[in-house]
Amino acid sequence: MPEVLIVGGGLEGCAAAWALTRRGVTDVTVLERATVGSGGTGKSSGVVRCHYGVSSLAAMATRSLDVLEQAADVLGEDVGFRRTGYVVGVGEQNVDALHASMADQRAVGVRTEDIDRAEVAKLWPVADLEPFGAFGWEERGGYGDAYRTAQAFSATARRAGSHLRQGTRVTDLVVRNGRVTGVRLGDGEVLEADTVVLAAGPWSVPLLAAHEVELPITVHRESIVLVDPGQDLGEVPVFSDLVSLQYIRSEPGGELLFGNSDLARLEPADPDRYSNQASEAVVDRVVEKVGNRFPGLVDASIASTYAGCYDVTPDFNPVISRVDGLDGLVVAAGFSGHGFKISPEVGRLVADLVIDGASSVPETPASDFRLSRFAEGDLLTSPHPYVGAGQMR
């Protein structure tokens, strides 16, 4: 009987296995219904930033960045992290919020600073920067590859003694006298463990609902559009445009990846059945935004599109939590688009909850991410929200 069963072989489940083995818990088995990273992990846009108004998330992001930067040493392989820098720009109505948020970020160790319009113009010479009131800069920001990172976490954990079962679908949690004692598989087999970690993204919801626990997640389909800039821009920094509510980063092959920062209206989806292409309306909107923000891209064209799903909670922040009434269970789900950049620290917090029942890092208290906050009406939100983009920052 393994000490810990992890349901879900995506980024967070694999990070949890890695973190547990680092703490000496090697009797771990990861159960993945398909293959490692085959769910939402493989659709991540991979942006790395520490710009969060919620201090505990900013702390998780900056501590995780240490791992991503040193992946070759820590995980034994390159995970595709590229340190391009990260620029965030806001309109006049959000200047005070930007400065207050950045001050809070610096208080938990984030290396972020003001940058003026002339410096941003050097970094993004094709952009129209006139509508912005202020900018922030993270020299250590950039992007990476969530799929490769999940594979690296998994491989490192297995080298330390953990096990992986792919093609293994979990259909139920086994509960006895208010304690989760294992899981039931699709073929009827029951696996027992001292602790179960549920890290199956949106597929976590029905597993909990069967035991009268609500995990408030909306599955939201989000599209990505890749643009051929028609010129060699080099490796430009990630640009978070909180005026037109989009983010842009370069691809290794020279294309530009455009994502959406406006989640005021969600597009509910079935995570098992959704269109993998951006709709015509989304493409039209990207074309309009690109044309307005980047008038210097005179020969740009659409290269391709794809779509993935976010597991979105009511406050757009994750659940990393023990569950009242279900002892022996830890849930890590509802990452709302933040999961990649904080994944090493997600693994660490899950391991802390499994072993100690509390976070080992004061800047990231487990209480911030407790499941019960939704029923209590005590949502985890930024004290410095941005008008129009508060959900993601």
Protein backbone atom coordinates (compact mmCIF):
# COMPACT_ATOMS: atom_id res chain seq x y z
CA MET A 1 0.00 0.00 0.00
CA PRO A 2 1.59 3.33 -1.03
CA GLU A 3 1.86 6.06 1.55
CA VAL A 4 0.44 8.64 -0.88
CA LEU A 5 -1.72 8.26 -3.99
CA ILE A 6 -1.86 11.26 -6.33
CA VAL A 7 -4.83 11.43 -8.68
CA GLY A 8 -3.75 13.36 -11.77
CA GLY A 9 -0.47 13.27 -13.68
CA GLY A 10 -0.56 16.87 -14.83
CA LEU A 11 1.82 19.60 -13.76
CA GLU A 12 0.53 19.96 -10.20
CA GLY A 13 0.26 16.24 -9.49
CA CYS A 14 3.78 15.63 -10.75
CA ALA A 15 5.06 18.65 -8.79
CA ALA A 16 3.48 17.17 -5.67
CA ALA A 17 5.19 13.82 -6.26
CA TRP A 18 8.52 15.60 -6.75
CA ALA A 19 8.11 17.70 -3.61
CA LEU A 20 7.07 14.71 -1.49
CA THR A 21 10.15 12.76 -2.55
CA ARG A 22 12.34 15.76 -1.70
CA ARG A 23 10.95 15.54 1.81
CA GLY A 24 11.67 11.85 2.05
CA VAL A 25 8.22 10.49 1.23
CA THR A 26 9.11 8.21 -1.69
CA ASP A 27 6.28 5.68 -1.38
CA VAL A 28 4.15 7.70 -3.80
CA THR A 29 2.09 6.56 -6.78
CA VAL A 30 0.74 8.97 -9.40
CA LEU A 31 -2.39 7.82 -11.24
CA GLU A 32 -2.93 9.46 -14.63
CA ARG A 33 -5.94 8.64 -16.77
CA ALA A 34 -4.06 9.27 -20.04
CA THR A 35 -0.40 10.32 -20.16
CA VAL A 36 1.65 12.79 -18.15
CA GLY A 37 0.76 16.37 -19.05
CA SER A 38 -1.94 15.37 -21.54
CA GLY A 39 -4.68 17.55 -20.01
CA GLY A 40 -4.57 21.28 -19.40
CA THR A 41 -0.82 21.18 -18.79
CA GLY A 42 -0.10 20.67 -22.48
CA LYS A 43 -2.13 23.78 -23.41
CA SER A 44 -0.43 26.22 -21.04
CA SER A 45 0.90 29.42 -22.60
CA GLY A 46 3.83 29.14 -20.20
CA VAL A 47 4.17 32.78 -19.13
CA VAL A 48 6.41 33.26 -16.09
CA ARG A 49 5.73 36.33 -13.97
CA CYS A 50 5.53 37.20 -10.29
CA HIS A 51 3.17 40.13 -10.78
CA TYR A 52 0.29 39.27 -8.45
CA GLY A 53 -1.75 41.49 -6.18
CA VAL A 54 -2.27 38.55 -3.82
CA SER A 55 0.95 38.46 -1.81
CA SER A 56 0.93 34.71 -1.21
CA LEU A 57 0.69 34.07 -4.95
CA ALA A 58 3.51 36.54 -5.64
CA ALA A 59 5.62 34.74 -3.03
CA MET A 60 4.83 31.35 -4.59
CA ALA A 61 5.74 32.66 -8.03
CA THR A 62 9.10 34.11 -7.00
CA ARG A 63 10.08 31.00 -5.03
CA SER A 64 9.01 28.83 -7.98
CA LEU A 65 11.10 30.94 -10.32
CA ASP A 66 14.20 29.83 -8.44
CA VAL A 67 13.39 26.24 -9.50
CA LEU A 68 12.54 27.09 -13.12
CA GLU A 69 15.77 29.07 -13.52
CA GLN A 70 17.85 26.22 -12.10
CA ALA A 71 15.88 23.34 -13.59
CA ALA A 72 18.92 21.67 -15.13
CA ASP A 73 20.41 21.30 -11.66
CA VAL A 74 17.24 20.82 -9.59
CA LEU A 75 15.30 18.60 -11.99
CA GLY A 76 18.13 17.22 -14.04
CA GLU A 77 16.97 18.64 -17.35
CA ASP A 78 16.09 21.80 -19.25
CA VAL A 79 12.38 22.65 -19.07
CA GLY A 80 12.41 25.30 -21.78
CA PHE A 81 12.53 28.33 -19.50
CA ARG A 82 13.64 31.48 -21.30
CA ARG A 83 14.41 34.60 -19.33
CA THR A 84 13.15 37.32 -21.66
CA GLY A 85 11.91 39.75 -19.01
CA TYR A 86 8.30 40.70 -18.29
CA VAL A 87 6.66 44.10 -18.85
CA VAL A 88 3.24 45.01 -17.49
CA GLY A 89 1.56 48.20 -18.65
CA VAL A 90 -1.56 49.87 -17.23
CA GLY A 91 -3.79 52.81 -18.08
CA GLU A 92 -3.99 55.97 -15.97
CA GLN A 93 -6.86 54.60 -13.86
CA ASN A 94 -4.64 51.73 -12.67
CA VAL A 95 -1.37 53.54 -11.98
CA ASP A 96 -1.87 53.72 -8.21
CA ALA A 97 -2.88 50.06 -8.08
CA LEU A 98 0.22 49.09 -10.08
CA HIS A 99 2.57 50.87 -7.72
CA ALA A 100 0.86 49.52 -4.59
CA SER A 101 0.87 46.00 -5.98
CA MET A 102 4.54 46.17 -6.92
CA ALA A 103 5.43 47.41 -3.42
CA ASP A 104 3.64 44.40 -1.92
CA GLN A 105 5.45 42.12 -4.35
CA ARG A 106 8.85 43.49 -3.36
CA ALA A 107 7.93 42.85 0.29
CA VAL A 108 7.80 39.09 -0.42
CA GLY A 109 10.97 39.00 -2.48
CA VAL A 110 9.84 39.75 -6.04
CA ARG A 111 12.40 41.68 -8.07
CA THR A 112 10.15 44.18 -9.79
CA GLU A 113 10.68 47.84 -10.60
CA ASP A 114 9.28 50.79 -12.50
CA ILE A 115 10.32 51.21 -16.10
CA ASP A 116 9.63 54.26 -18.21
CA ARG A 117 7.95 54.47 -21.58
CA ALA A 118 11.22 55.15 -23.44
CA GLU A 119 12.77 51.94 -22.10
CA VAL A 120 9.69 49.90 -23.03
CA ALA A 121 9.82 51.43 -26.52
CA LYS A 122 13.35 50.05 -26.91
CA LEU A 123 12.13 46.59 -25.90
CA TRP A 124 8.97 46.74 -28.06
CA PRO A 125 9.72 49.21 -30.89
CA VAL A 126 6.66 48.10 -32.90
CA ALA A 127 4.19 48.97 -30.12
CA ASP A 128 2.00 52.03 -29.61
CA LEU A 129 2.61 52.87 -25.94
CA GLU A 130 0.72 56.16 -25.79
CA PRO A 131 -2.36 54.78 -23.94
CA PHE A 132 -0.32 53.54 -20.97
CA GLY A 133 0.08 55.46 -17.74
CA ALA A 134 2.84 53.38 -16.15
CA PHE A 135 4.84 50.19 -16.55
CA GLY A 136 6.41 47.56 -14.33
CA TRP A 137 9.42 45.41 -15.17
CA GLU A 138 10.60 42.00 -13.98
CA GLU A 139 14.02 41.19 -15.36
CA ARG A 140 13.65 37.53 -14.32
CA GLY A 141 10.32 37.02 -16.11
CA GLY A 142 9.85 35.07 -19.30
CA TYR A 143 8.21 31.85 -20.40
CA GLY A 144 8.68 28.12 -20.28
CA ASP A 145 7.19 24.81 -21.31
CA ALA A 146 4.64 23.39 -18.88
CA TYR A 147 4.58 19.99 -20.57
CA ARG A 148 8.35 19.56 -20.33
CA THR A 149 8.23 20.77 -16.73
CA ALA A 150 5.61 18.16 -15.81
CA GLN A 151 7.71 15.47 -17.45
CA ALA A 152 10.77 16.65 -15.52
CA PHE A 153 8.93 16.63 -12.19
CA SER A 154 7.64 13.14 -12.95
CA ALA A 155 11.01 11.76 -14.01
CA THR A 156 12.79 13.24 -11.00
CA ALA A 157 10.18 11.84 -8.62
CA ARG A 158 10.47 8.38 -10.21
CA ARG A 159 14.25 8.43 -9.89
CA ALA A 160 13.69 9.08 -6.18
CA GLY A 161 11.43 6.04 -5.86
CA SER A 162 7.88 7.14 -6.70
CA HIS A 163 5.72 5.27 -9.20
CA LEU A 164 3.61 6.34 -12.16
CA ARG A 165 0.60 4.53 -13.61
CA GLN A 166 -0.58 6.03 -16.89
CA GLY A 167 -3.80 5.01 -18.61
CA THR A 168 -5.32 4.58 -15.15
CA ARG A 169 -8.69 6.27 -14.63
CA VAL A 170 -9.90 6.96 -11.10
CA THR A 171 -13.70 6.78 -10.82
CA ASP A 172 -14.24 7.30 -7.09
CA LEU A 173 -12.69 8.07 -3.76
CA VAL A 174 -12.98 5.30 -1.20
CA VAL A 175 -14.24 6.73 2.08
CA ARG A 176 -14.61 4.92 5.39
CA ASN A 177 -15.87 6.64 8.55
CA GLY A 178 -15.15 10.10 7.18
CA ARG A 179 -11.64 9.27 6.00
CA VAL A 180 -10.41 8.81 2.44
CA THR A 181 -8.58 5.50 2.43
CA GLY A 182 -7.94 5.09 -1.29
CA VAL A 183 -9.46 5.22 -4.75
CA ARG A 184 -11.45 3.00 -7.08
CA LEU A 185 -10.26 2.59 -10.66
CA GLY A 186 -12.27 2.24 -13.83
CA ASP A 187 -11.76 -1.52 -13.89
CA GLY A 188 -13.05 -1.85 -10.33
CA GLU A 189 -9.66 -2.24 -8.65
CA VAL A 190 -9.35 -0.50 -5.29
CA LEU A 191 -6.02 1.05 -4.27
CA GLU A 192 -5.47 2.03 -0.65
CA ALA A 193 -3.17 4.69 0.79
CA ASP A 194 -2.56 6.70 3.93
CA THR A 195 -3.22 9.95 2.03
CA VAL A 196 -4.83 10.78 -1.31
CA VAL A 197 -3.92 13.95 -3.21
CA LEU A 198 -6.57 15.02 -5.71
CA ALA A 199 -4.87 17.05 -8.45
CA ALA A 200 -7.06 16.23 -11.44
CA GLY A 201 -8.03 19.76 -12.50
CA PRO A 202 -11.68 19.99 -13.56
CA TRP A 203 -12.01 16.20 -13.28
CA SER A 204 -11.61 16.66 -9.52
CA VAL A 205 -15.10 18.16 -9.29
CA PRO A 206 -17.23 15.02 -9.79
CA LEU A 207 -14.94 12.93 -7.58
CA LEU A 208 -15.67 15.30 -4.69
CA ALA A 209 -19.31 15.86 -5.59
CA ALA A 210 -19.95 12.13 -5.16
CA HIS A 211 -19.13 12.67 -1.48
CA GLU A 212 -21.17 15.87 -1.10
CA VAL A 213 -18.20 18.22 -1.27
CA GLU A 214 -18.52 21.16 -3.63
CA LEU A 215 -15.40 22.25 -5.46
CA PRO A 216 -16.60 25.45 -7.16
CA ILE A 217 -14.87 25.27 -10.52
CA THR A 218 -16.05 26.55 -13.88
CA VAL A 219 -14.31 25.00 -16.87
CA HIS A 220 -13.48 27.89 -19.20
CA ARG A 221 -12.26 27.47 -22.77
CA GLU A 222 -9.48 29.90 -23.61
CA SER A 223 -7.96 30.43 -27.04
CA ILE A 224 -4.41 31.22 -28.08
CA VAL A 225 -3.49 32.84 -31.38
CA LEU A 226 0.00 32.60 -32.88
CA VAL A 227 1.03 35.44 -35.16
CA ASP A 228 3.83 35.56 -37.71
CA PRO A 229 5.19 39.10 -37.16
CA GLY A 230 6.54 39.33 -40.71
CA GLN A 231 9.87 40.55 -39.39
CA ASP A 232 12.61 39.45 -37.01
CA LEU A 233 11.84 40.98 -33.63
CA GLY A 234 14.34 38.90 -31.72
CA GLU A 235 13.38 37.53 -28.33
CA VAL A 236 11.15 40.29 -27.01
CA PRO A 237 10.04 40.33 -23.35
CA VAL A 238 6.61 39.12 -22.32
CA PHE A 239 4.22 42.08 -22.52
CA SER A 240 1.14 42.13 -20.31
CA ASP A 241 -1.06 44.81 -21.86
CA LEU A 242 -3.70 45.70 -19.26
CA VAL A 243 -5.11 48.46 -21.44
CA SER A 244 -6.34 46.26 -24.29
CA LEU A 245 -6.34 43.19 -22.00
CA GLN A 246 -3.98 40.85 -23.83
CA TYR A 247 -0.59 39.30 -23.22
CA ILE A 248 2.11 38.60 -25.77
CA ARG A 249 5.26 36.58 -25.73
CA SER A 250 7.71 35.35 -28.32
CA GLU A 251 7.99 31.74 -29.44
CA PRO A 252 11.38 30.07 -30.00
CA GLY A 253 10.68 30.02 -33.75
CA GLY A 254 10.04 33.76 -33.94
CA GLU A 255 6.24 33.79 -33.86
CA LEU A 256 4.30 35.80 -31.29
CA LEU A 257 1.81 34.15 -28.95
CA PHE A 258 -1.25 36.23 -28.07
CA GLY A 259 -3.47 35.40 -25.12
CA ASN A 260 -6.51 36.98 -23.50
CA SER A 261 -6.43 38.89 -20.19
CA ASP A 262 -10.15 39.67 -20.09
CA LEU A 263 -11.97 36.96 -18.15
CA ALA A 264 -14.94 39.07 -17.08
CA ARG A 265 -17.11 36.69 -19.12
CA LEU A 266 -16.28 32.99 -19.12
CA GLU A 267 -16.90 30.50 -21.91
CA PRO A 268 -18.02 27.31 -20.13
CA ALA A 269 -16.79 24.11 -21.76
CA ASP A 270 -16.66 20.35 -21.36
CA PRO A 271 -12.98 19.52 -20.69
CA ASP A 272 -13.37 16.27 -22.61
CA ARG A 273 -15.13 17.79 -25.63
CA TYR A 274 -14.22 21.28 -26.78
CA SER A 275 -13.01 22.91 -29.96
CA ASN A 276 -9.23 23.04 -30.15
CA GLN A 277 -9.24 26.08 -32.44
CA ALA A 278 -9.96 29.75 -31.84
CA SER A 279 -13.28 30.88 -33.21
CA GLU A 280 -13.55 33.38 -36.04
CA ALA A 281 -14.75 35.98 -33.53
CA VAL A 282 -11.68 35.45 -31.35
CA VAL A 283 -9.34 35.72 -34.33
CA ASP A 284 -11.05 38.92 -35.43
CA ARG A 285 -10.67 40.36 -31.95
CA VAL A 286 -6.97 39.48 -31.86
CA VAL A 287 -6.42 41.02 -35.29
CA GLU A 288 -8.06 44.23 -34.06
CA LYS A 289 -6.05 44.32 -30.83
CA VAL A 290 -2.78 43.53 -32.58
CA GLY A 291 -3.41 46.21 -35.16
CA ASN A 292 -4.15 48.82 -32.50
CA ARG A 293 -1.31 47.97 -30.13
CA PHE A 294 1.37 47.00 -32.63
CA PRO A 295 1.05 49.25 -35.68
CA GLY A 296 4.67 48.48 -36.51
CA LEU A 297 3.76 44.91 -37.47
CA VAL A 298 2.81 45.91 -41.00
CA ASP A 299 3.30 42.43 -42.50
CA ALA A 300 1.90 40.34 -39.65
CA SER A 301 -0.35 37.35 -40.36
CA ILE A 302 -2.14 34.64 -38.40
CA ALA A 303 0.04 31.52 -38.17
CA SER A 304 -2.18 29.15 -36.17
CA THR A 305 -4.51 28.88 -33.19
CA TYR A 306 -5.34 26.44 -30.43
CA ALA A 307 -7.46 26.33 -27.30
CA GLY A 308 -7.29 24.85 -23.83
CA CYS A 309 -9.30 24.99 -20.62
CA TYR A 310 -8.84 26.81 -17.34
CA ASP A 311 -10.33 25.38 -14.14
CA VAL A 312 -11.60 28.65 -12.71
CA THR A 313 -12.68 29.24 -9.11
CA PRO A 314 -14.93 32.14 -7.98
CA ASP A 315 -11.92 34.23 -6.94
CA PHE A 316 -9.65 33.03 -9.78
CA ASN A 317 -7.24 31.52 -7.27
CA PRO A 318 -6.41 27.89 -6.54
CA VAL A 319 -7.56 25.45 -3.91
CA ILE A 320 -4.62 23.75 -2.17
CA SER A 321 -6.29 22.35 0.87
CA ARG A 322 -7.29 19.62 3.23
CA VAL A 323 -11.03 18.99 3.17
CA ASP A 324 -13.37 19.24 6.14
CA GLY A 325 -15.15 15.95 6.68
CA LEU A 326 -12.77 13.96 4.48
CA ASP A 327 -9.64 13.24 6.46
CA GLY A 328 -6.70 11.86 4.55
CA LEU A 329 -7.41 14.00 1.46
CA VAL A 330 -5.55 17.00 0.01
CA VAL A 331 -6.98 18.85 -3.00
CA ALA A 332 -4.89 20.87 -5.47
CA ALA A 333 -7.15 22.24 -8.23
CA GLY A 334 -8.77 25.37 -9.61
CA PHE A 335 -5.57 27.03 -10.77
CA SER A 336 -7.41 29.48 -13.02
CA GLY A 337 -4.51 29.94 -15.42
CA HIS A 338 -1.80 30.49 -12.77
CA GLY A 339 -0.63 26.91 -12.35
CA PHE A 340 2.57 26.73 -14.39
CA LYS A 341 4.47 29.63 -12.88
CA ILE A 342 3.73 28.55 -9.29
CA SER A 343 3.93 24.77 -9.78
CA PRO A 344 7.12 24.09 -7.76
CA GLU A 345 5.61 25.86 -4.76
CA VAL A 346 2.27 24.11 -5.28
CA GLY A 347 4.14 20.85 -4.94
CA ARG A 348 5.90 22.11 -1.81
CA LEU A 349 2.63 23.24 -0.19
CA VAL A 350 0.91 19.94 -1.01
CA ALA A 351 3.82 18.06 0.56
CA ASP A 352 3.61 20.30 3.63
CA LEU A 353 -0.11 19.58 4.00
CA VAL A 354 0.41 15.85 3.60
CA ILE A 355 3.26 15.67 6.11
CA ASP A 356 2.68 18.53 8.55
CA GLY A 357 -0.85 19.80 7.93
CA ALA A 358 0.42 23.37 7.53
CA SER A 359 2.64 25.45 5.25
CA SER A 360 6.35 25.65 6.06
CA VAL A 361 6.60 29.10 4.44
CA PRO A 362 5.04 32.02 6.37
CA GLU A 363 4.55 34.08 3.19
CA THR A 364 2.29 31.40 1.71
CA PRO A 365 -0.08 30.34 4.50
CA ALA A 366 -2.22 27.31 3.71
CA SER A 367 -5.25 29.22 5.00
CA ASP A 368 -5.15 31.46 1.91
CA PHE A 369 -5.90 28.49 -0.33
CA ARG A 370 -8.37 26.60 1.87
CA LEU A 371 -11.45 25.19 0.17
CA SER A 372 -13.74 26.46 2.91
CA ARG A 373 -13.12 30.10 1.98
CA PHE A 374 -15.85 29.95 -0.65
CA ALA A 375 -18.55 28.79 1.77
CA GLU A 376 -17.29 31.36 4.27
CA GLY A 377 -17.52 34.17 1.71
CA ASP A 378 -13.87 35.05 2.40
CA LEU A 379 -12.47 35.08 -1.12
CA LEU A 380 -8.76 35.43 -1.89
CA THR A 381 -8.56 38.69 -3.82
CA SER A 382 -6.01 41.41 -4.48
CA PRO A 383 -6.18 44.51 -2.26
CA HIS A 384 -5.11 46.45 -5.36
CA PRO A 385 -7.34 45.22 -8.20
CA TYR A 386 -6.92 46.56 -11.70
CA VAL A 387 -9.98 47.96 -13.41
CA GLY A 388 -10.88 45.48 -16.15
CA ALA A 389 -8.28 42.83 -15.31
CA GLY A 390 -8.64 42.18 -11.60
CA GLN A 391 -9.33 38.49 -12.12
CA MET A 392 -5.89 37.58 -13.43
CA ARG A 393 -3.69 40.02 -11.50
